[in-house]
Amino acid sequence: QVEVAESGGGSVQAGGSLRLSCVISKWDDTSSCMTWFRQGPGQAREGVAAIYIDGRTTYYADSVKGRFTISQDKAKNTMYLEMNDLQPEDTSIYYCAAGLGWLCLDASSALVSGQYNYWGQGTQVTVSP
């Protein structure tokens, strides 16, 4: 079994920063690609950033490039999303997901939610003007 759990959400003013964490119970062939998704009220789920188990292959949505950084610490079984210069448009529930490694071959698969096997419960990020 693979379980993931997010933490680190909160409320900040525009321009502020947060770091989200996702603890994964096990890295194996079914969880080699890990991705942060977000979903705001009435909005479709959006892929934010993805990272492959090698720790070097990463993908970002255009809306967060230059502001967000994804990383992982395998020794701590943890994936991170460093979010800087947060804007009200970033207000969403942020979810951690893990899936098969092939998802991380291309941004068009890594940042689409339909094929992921494991999901956390989400953590709320609220950015005020």
N, C-alpha and C. Protein backbone atom coordinates (compact mmCIF):
# COMPACT_ATOMS: atom_id res chain seq x y z
N GLN A 1 0.81 -1.17 0.00
CA GLN A 1 0.00 0.00 0.00
C GLN A 1 0.87 1.25 0.00
N VAL A 2 0.36 2.30 -0.63
CA VAL A 2 1.02 3.59 -0.64
C VAL A 2 0.03 4.62 -0.11
N GLU A 3 0.46 5.40 0.84
CA GLU A 3 -0.36 6.48 1.40
C GLU A 3 0.41 7.78 1.32
N VAL A 4 -0.31 8.85 1.03
CA VAL A 4 0.29 10.18 0.97
C VAL A 4 -0.52 11.11 1.85
N ALA A 5 0.15 12.10 2.43
CA ALA A 5 -0.50 13.05 3.31
C ALA A 5 0.15 14.41 3.18
N GLU A 6 -0.67 15.44 2.91
CA GLU A 6 -0.16 16.80 2.75
C GLU A 6 -0.26 17.59 4.05
N SER A 7 0.58 18.61 4.14
CA SER A 7 0.50 19.55 5.25
C SER A 7 1.16 20.85 4.82
N GLY A 8 0.98 21.89 5.60
CA GLY A 8 1.66 23.15 5.37
C GLY A 8 0.81 24.26 4.82
N GLY A 9 -0.46 24.00 4.54
CA GLY A 9 -1.34 25.04 4.05
C GLY A 9 -1.63 26.08 5.13
N GLY A 10 -2.21 27.19 4.70
CA GLY A 10 -2.54 28.26 5.62
C GLY A 10 -3.01 29.48 4.88
N SER A 11 -3.11 30.59 5.61
CA SER A 11 -3.55 31.87 5.05
C SER A 11 -2.40 32.86 5.06
N VAL A 12 -2.17 33.49 3.92
CA VAL A 12 -1.11 34.48 3.79
C VAL A 12 -1.61 35.66 2.97
N GLN A 13 -0.91 36.77 3.08
CA GLN A 13 -1.20 37.92 2.24
C GLN A 13 -0.45 37.80 0.92
N ALA A 14 -0.97 38.47 -0.09
CA ALA A 14 -0.32 38.47 -1.40
C ALA A 14 1.15 38.84 -1.27
N GLY A 15 1.99 38.09 -1.97
CA GLY A 15 3.42 38.29 -1.89
C GLY A 15 4.12 37.40 -0.89
N GLY A 16 3.35 36.72 -0.07
CA GLY A 16 3.91 35.85 0.94
C GLY A 16 4.30 34.49 0.39
N SER A 17 4.81 33.64 1.28
CA SER A 17 5.30 32.33 0.89
C SER A 17 4.78 31.25 1.83
N LEU A 18 4.68 30.06 1.30
CA LEU A 18 4.35 28.87 2.07
C LEU A 18 5.13 27.70 1.51
N ARG A 19 5.41 26.73 2.35
CA ARG A 19 6.00 25.48 1.88
C ARG A 19 5.08 24.33 2.26
N LEU A 20 4.61 23.63 1.26
CA LEU A 20 3.78 22.46 1.47
C LEU A 20 4.65 21.21 1.52
N SER A 21 4.23 20.25 2.32
CA SER A 21 4.94 18.98 2.43
C SER A 21 3.99 17.84 2.14
N CYS A 22 4.51 16.80 1.55
CA CYS A 22 3.74 15.59 1.28
C CYS A 22 4.59 14.39 1.69
N VAL A 23 4.14 13.69 2.69
CA VAL A 23 4.83 12.50 3.16
C VAL A 23 4.24 11.28 2.46
N ILE A 24 5.10 10.47 1.88
CA ILE A 24 4.67 9.27 1.18
C ILE A 24 5.17 8.05 1.94
N SER A 25 4.31 7.06 2.06
CA SER A 25 4.66 5.89 2.85
C SER A 25 5.67 4.99 2.16
N LYS A 26 5.70 5.03 0.83
CA LYS A 26 6.55 4.10 0.09
C LYS A 26 6.77 4.60 -1.33
N TRP A 27 8.03 4.62 -1.75
CA TRP A 27 8.35 4.86 -3.15
C TRP A 27 8.57 3.51 -3.83
N ASP A 28 7.77 3.24 -4.83
CA ASP A 28 7.96 2.03 -5.62
C ASP A 28 7.55 2.31 -7.06
N ASP A 29 7.36 1.26 -7.86
CA ASP A 29 7.04 1.45 -9.27
C ASP A 29 5.69 2.12 -9.48
N THR A 30 4.80 2.06 -8.49
CA THR A 30 3.48 2.66 -8.63
C THR A 30 3.42 4.10 -8.13
N SER A 31 4.52 4.60 -7.61
CA SER A 31 4.53 5.95 -7.04
C SER A 31 5.77 6.72 -7.45
N SER A 32 6.30 6.44 -8.63
CA SER A 32 7.55 7.05 -9.07
C SER A 32 7.39 8.48 -9.57
N CYS A 33 6.19 8.85 -9.94
CA CYS A 33 5.89 10.21 -10.37
C CYS A 33 4.98 10.85 -9.33
N MET A 34 5.40 11.96 -8.78
CA MET A 34 4.62 12.64 -7.76
C MET A 34 4.32 14.06 -8.21
N THR A 35 3.10 14.49 -7.95
CA THR A 35 2.62 15.75 -8.50
C THR A 35 1.76 16.49 -7.49
N TRP A 36 1.86 17.79 -7.51
CA TRP A 36 0.96 18.66 -6.78
C TRP A 36 -0.14 19.14 -7.72
N PHE A 37 -1.38 18.99 -7.29
CA PHE A 37 -2.53 19.51 -8.00
C PHE A 37 -3.23 20.53 -7.10
N ARG A 38 -4.06 21.36 -7.70
CA ARG A 38 -4.86 22.28 -6.92
C ARG A 38 -6.23 22.44 -7.57
N GLN A 39 -7.21 22.79 -6.73
CA GLN A 39 -8.56 23.00 -7.22
C GLN A 39 -9.22 24.10 -6.41
N GLY A 40 -9.57 25.19 -7.07
CA GLY A 40 -10.29 26.27 -6.43
C GLY A 40 -11.79 26.06 -6.54
N PRO A 41 -12.56 26.88 -5.83
CA PRO A 41 -14.03 26.75 -5.87
C PRO A 41 -14.56 26.88 -7.29
N GLY A 42 -15.32 25.90 -7.72
CA GLY A 42 -15.91 25.92 -9.05
C GLY A 42 -14.93 25.77 -10.19
N GLN A 43 -13.69 25.41 -9.88
CA GLN A 43 -12.66 25.30 -10.90
C GLN A 43 -12.29 23.85 -11.16
N ALA A 44 -11.75 23.61 -12.34
CA ALA A 44 -11.23 22.29 -12.66
C ALA A 44 -9.93 22.05 -11.92
N ARG A 45 -9.62 20.81 -11.68
CA ARG A 45 -8.37 20.46 -11.04
C ARG A 45 -7.21 20.78 -11.99
N GLU A 46 -6.18 21.39 -11.45
CA GLU A 46 -5.06 21.85 -12.24
C GLU A 46 -3.76 21.25 -11.73
N GLY A 47 -2.97 20.70 -12.63
CA GLY A 47 -1.64 20.24 -12.27
C GLY A 47 -0.72 21.43 -12.06
N VAL A 48 -0.02 21.44 -10.95
CA VAL A 48 0.84 22.56 -10.58
C VAL A 48 2.30 22.27 -10.85
N ALA A 49 2.79 21.15 -10.34
CA ALA A 49 4.19 20.78 -10.50
C ALA A 49 4.34 19.28 -10.28
N ALA A 50 5.30 18.68 -10.98
CA ALA A 50 5.54 17.25 -10.87
C ALA A 50 7.03 16.98 -10.77
N ILE A 51 7.36 15.86 -10.15
CA ILE A 51 8.76 15.46 -10.02
C ILE A 51 8.87 13.94 -10.11
N TYR A 52 9.87 13.49 -10.84
CA TYR A 52 10.13 12.07 -10.98
C TYR A 52 11.04 11.61 -9.85
N ILE A 53 11.08 10.32 -9.63
CA ILE A 53 11.84 9.76 -8.51
C ILE A 53 13.33 10.08 -8.60
N ASP A 54 13.82 10.41 -9.80
CA ASP A 54 15.23 10.77 -9.92
C ASP A 54 15.55 12.11 -9.27
N GLY A 55 14.52 12.88 -8.95
CA GLY A 55 14.70 14.16 -8.31
C GLY A 55 15.14 15.28 -9.22
N ARG A 56 15.35 15.00 -10.49
CA ARG A 56 15.83 16.00 -11.44
C ARG A 56 14.82 16.33 -12.52
N THR A 57 13.96 15.39 -12.87
CA THR A 57 12.96 15.62 -13.89
C THR A 57 11.75 16.30 -13.27
N THR A 58 11.50 17.54 -13.67
CA THR A 58 10.41 18.32 -13.09
C THR A 58 9.60 19.00 -14.17
N TYR A 59 8.35 19.30 -13.85
CA TYR A 59 7.45 20.01 -14.75
C TYR A 59 6.65 21.01 -13.93
N TYR A 60 6.34 22.14 -14.54
CA TYR A 60 5.57 23.18 -13.88
C TYR A 60 4.49 23.72 -14.80
N ALA A 61 3.36 24.06 -14.22
CA ALA A 61 2.35 24.80 -14.96
C ALA A 61 2.88 26.19 -15.26
N ASP A 62 2.49 26.74 -16.40
CA ASP A 62 2.96 28.06 -16.77
C ASP A 62 2.62 29.12 -15.72
N SER A 63 1.50 28.94 -15.05
CA SER A 63 1.03 29.93 -14.09
C SER A 63 1.90 30.03 -12.84
N VAL A 64 2.76 29.03 -12.60
CA VAL A 64 3.57 29.05 -11.38
C VAL A 64 5.06 29.04 -11.66
N LYS A 65 5.47 28.95 -12.90
CA LYS A 65 6.89 28.95 -13.22
C LYS A 65 7.56 30.21 -12.70
N GLY A 66 8.70 30.02 -12.07
CA GLY A 66 9.42 31.13 -11.50
C GLY A 66 9.00 31.50 -10.10
N ARG A 67 7.87 30.98 -9.64
CA ARG A 67 7.39 31.27 -8.29
C ARG A 67 7.38 30.04 -7.38
N PHE A 68 7.06 28.88 -7.95
CA PHE A 68 6.97 27.65 -7.17
C PHE A 68 8.14 26.74 -7.52
N THR A 69 8.60 25.98 -6.54
CA THR A 69 9.67 25.01 -6.75
C THR A 69 9.29 23.69 -6.10
N ILE A 70 9.37 22.61 -6.87
CA ILE A 70 9.09 21.28 -6.34
C ILE A 70 10.41 20.57 -6.06
N SER A 71 10.44 19.81 -4.98
CA SER A 71 11.64 19.08 -4.61
C SER A 71 11.25 17.86 -3.78
N GLN A 72 12.21 17.00 -3.50
CA GLN A 72 11.94 15.83 -2.68
C GLN A 72 13.16 15.50 -1.84
N ASP A 73 12.88 14.90 -0.69
CA ASP A 73 13.92 14.41 0.20
C ASP A 73 13.58 12.95 0.46
N LYS A 74 14.24 12.07 -0.26
CA LYS A 74 13.91 10.66 -0.17
C LYS A 74 14.22 10.08 1.21
N ALA A 75 15.22 10.61 1.87
CA ALA A 75 15.56 10.14 3.20
C ALA A 75 14.43 10.39 4.19
N LYS A 76 13.64 11.43 3.94
CA LYS A 76 12.51 11.77 4.80
C LYS A 76 11.18 11.34 4.21
N ASN A 77 11.21 10.66 3.07
CA ASN A 77 9.98 10.23 2.38
C ASN A 77 9.03 11.41 2.15
N THR A 78 9.59 12.53 1.74
CA THR A 78 8.80 13.75 1.66
C THR A 78 9.04 14.49 0.35
N MET A 79 7.96 15.00 -0.22
CA MET A 79 8.00 15.90 -1.36
C MET A 79 7.55 17.27 -0.89
N TYR A 80 8.14 18.32 -1.47
CA TYR A 80 7.85 19.68 -1.05
C TYR A 80 7.40 20.53 -2.23
N LEU A 81 6.62 21.55 -1.92
CA LEU A 81 6.30 22.59 -2.87
C LEU A 81 6.53 23.93 -2.19
N GLU A 82 7.61 24.59 -2.59
CA GLU A 82 7.91 25.93 -2.09
C GLU A 82 7.17 26.93 -2.95
N MET A 83 6.28 27.70 -2.35
CA MET A 83 5.45 28.65 -3.07
C MET A 83 5.83 30.06 -2.64
N ASN A 84 6.31 30.84 -3.58
CA ASN A 84 6.72 32.22 -3.33
C ASN A 84 5.87 33.19 -4.12
N ASP A 85 5.84 34.44 -3.66
CA ASP A 85 5.07 35.49 -4.32
C ASP A 85 3.64 35.02 -4.59
N LEU A 86 3.01 34.51 -3.56
CA LEU A 86 1.65 33.99 -3.70
C LEU A 86 0.68 35.11 -4.05
N GLN A 87 -0.29 34.78 -4.87
CA GLN A 87 -1.31 35.71 -5.32
C GLN A 87 -2.68 35.16 -5.02
N PRO A 88 -3.71 36.02 -4.94
CA PRO A 88 -5.06 35.52 -4.67
C PRO A 88 -5.50 34.41 -5.61
N GLU A 89 -5.03 34.43 -6.84
CA GLU A 89 -5.38 33.41 -7.82
C GLU A 89 -4.83 32.04 -7.45
N ASP A 90 -3.88 31.98 -6.52
CA ASP A 90 -3.34 30.71 -6.06
C ASP A 90 -4.20 30.06 -4.99
N THR A 91 -5.22 30.75 -4.52
CA THR A 91 -6.10 30.19 -3.49
C THR A 91 -6.77 28.93 -4.00
N SER A 92 -6.53 27.82 -3.32
CA SER A 92 -7.04 26.52 -3.75
C SER A 92 -6.80 25.52 -2.64
N ILE A 93 -7.43 24.37 -2.79
CA ILE A 93 -7.01 23.21 -2.03
C ILE A 93 -5.91 22.54 -2.84
N TYR A 94 -4.80 22.26 -2.19
CA TYR A 94 -3.66 21.65 -2.86
C TYR A 94 -3.58 20.18 -2.47
N TYR A 95 -3.45 19.33 -3.47
CA TYR A 95 -3.42 17.88 -3.28
C TYR A 95 -2.09 17.31 -3.73
N CYS A 96 -1.63 16.32 -3.01
CA CYS A 96 -0.47 15.53 -3.39
C CYS A 96 -0.95 14.24 -4.04
N ALA A 97 -0.34 13.87 -5.16
CA ALA A 97 -0.70 12.65 -5.87
C ALA A 97 0.55 11.90 -6.30
N ALA A 98 0.43 10.59 -6.40
CA ALA A 98 1.53 9.75 -6.85
C ALA A 98 1.01 8.73 -7.85
N GLY A 99 1.83 8.40 -8.83
CA GLY A 99 1.43 7.45 -9.85
C GLY A 99 2.61 6.78 -10.52
N LEU A 100 2.32 6.03 -11.55
CA LEU A 100 3.34 5.30 -12.29
C LEU A 100 4.35 6.24 -12.93
N GLY A 101 5.57 5.75 -13.06
CA GLY A 101 6.65 6.59 -13.54
C GLY A 101 6.45 7.17 -14.92
N TRP A 102 5.75 6.46 -15.79
CA TRP A 102 5.58 6.95 -17.16
C TRP A 102 4.86 8.29 -17.21
N LEU A 103 4.08 8.60 -16.18
CA LEU A 103 3.39 9.88 -16.14
C LEU A 103 4.38 11.04 -16.19
N CYS A 104 5.58 10.82 -15.68
CA CYS A 104 6.58 11.88 -15.65
C CYS A 104 7.46 11.94 -16.88
N LEU A 105 7.06 11.27 -17.94
CA LEU A 105 7.80 11.37 -19.20
C LEU A 105 7.51 12.67 -19.93
N ASP A 106 6.39 13.29 -19.63
CA ASP A 106 5.98 14.48 -20.36
C ASP A 106 5.06 15.31 -19.48
N ALA A 107 5.13 16.61 -19.63
CA ALA A 107 4.27 17.49 -18.84
C ALA A 107 2.79 17.24 -19.11
N SER A 108 2.45 16.85 -20.32
CA SER A 108 1.06 16.64 -20.67
C SER A 108 0.44 15.46 -19.93
N SER A 109 1.23 14.53 -19.45
CA SER A 109 0.72 13.45 -18.63
C SER A 109 0.96 13.71 -17.14
N ALA A 110 2.10 14.28 -16.81
CA ALA A 110 2.42 14.53 -15.41
C ALA A 110 1.42 15.48 -14.74
N LEU A 111 0.94 16.46 -15.47
CA LEU A 111 0.10 17.49 -14.89
C LEU A 111 -1.39 17.27 -15.13
N VAL A 112 -1.77 16.07 -15.51
CA VAL A 112 -3.17 15.68 -15.68
C VAL A 112 -3.50 14.63 -14.64
N SER A 113 -4.61 14.80 -13.94
CA SER A 113 -4.89 14.03 -12.74
C SER A 113 -5.45 12.63 -12.95
N GLY A 114 -6.02 12.34 -14.10
CA GLY A 114 -6.82 11.14 -14.29
C GLY A 114 -6.14 9.81 -14.07
N GLN A 115 -4.83 9.73 -14.23
CA GLN A 115 -4.14 8.46 -14.17
C GLN A 115 -3.40 8.20 -12.86
N TYR A 116 -3.50 9.10 -11.89
CA TYR A 116 -2.76 8.92 -10.64
C TYR A 116 -3.45 7.93 -9.72
N ASN A 117 -2.66 7.14 -9.04
CA ASN A 117 -3.16 6.06 -8.20
C ASN A 117 -3.45 6.46 -6.77
N TYR A 118 -2.66 7.38 -6.23
CA TYR A 118 -2.74 7.70 -4.81
C TYR A 118 -2.91 9.20 -4.62
N TRP A 119 -3.78 9.54 -3.67
CA TRP A 119 -4.11 10.95 -3.40
C TRP A 119 -4.15 11.22 -1.91
N GLY A 120 -3.68 12.40 -1.53
CA GLY A 120 -3.87 12.87 -0.18
C GLY A 120 -5.22 13.55 -0.04
N GLN A 121 -5.50 14.02 1.17
CA GLN A 121 -6.79 14.63 1.47
C GLN A 121 -6.85 16.12 1.13
N GLY A 122 -5.72 16.73 0.88
CA GLY A 122 -5.68 18.13 0.51
C GLY A 122 -5.36 19.04 1.68
N THR A 123 -4.77 20.18 1.36
CA THR A 123 -4.49 21.21 2.35
C THR A 123 -4.85 22.57 1.76
N GLN A 124 -5.54 23.39 2.52
CA GLN A 124 -6.08 24.65 2.03
C GLN A 124 -5.02 25.74 2.04
N VAL A 125 -4.90 26.44 0.92
CA VAL A 125 -4.07 27.62 0.81
C VAL A 125 -4.96 28.80 0.45
N THR A 126 -4.93 29.83 1.28
CA THR A 126 -5.74 31.02 1.05
C THR A 126 -4.83 32.24 1.00
N VAL A 127 -4.93 33.01 -0.07
CA VAL A 127 -4.11 34.19 -0.27
C VAL A 127 -5.01 35.41 -0.35
N SER A 128 -4.83 36.34 0.56
CA SER A 128 -5.64 37.55 0.60
C SER A 128 -4.92 38.69 -0.11
N PRO A 129 -5.69 39.64 -0.66
CA PRO A 129 -5.09 40.76 -1.38
C PRO A 129 -4.20 41.63 -0.50
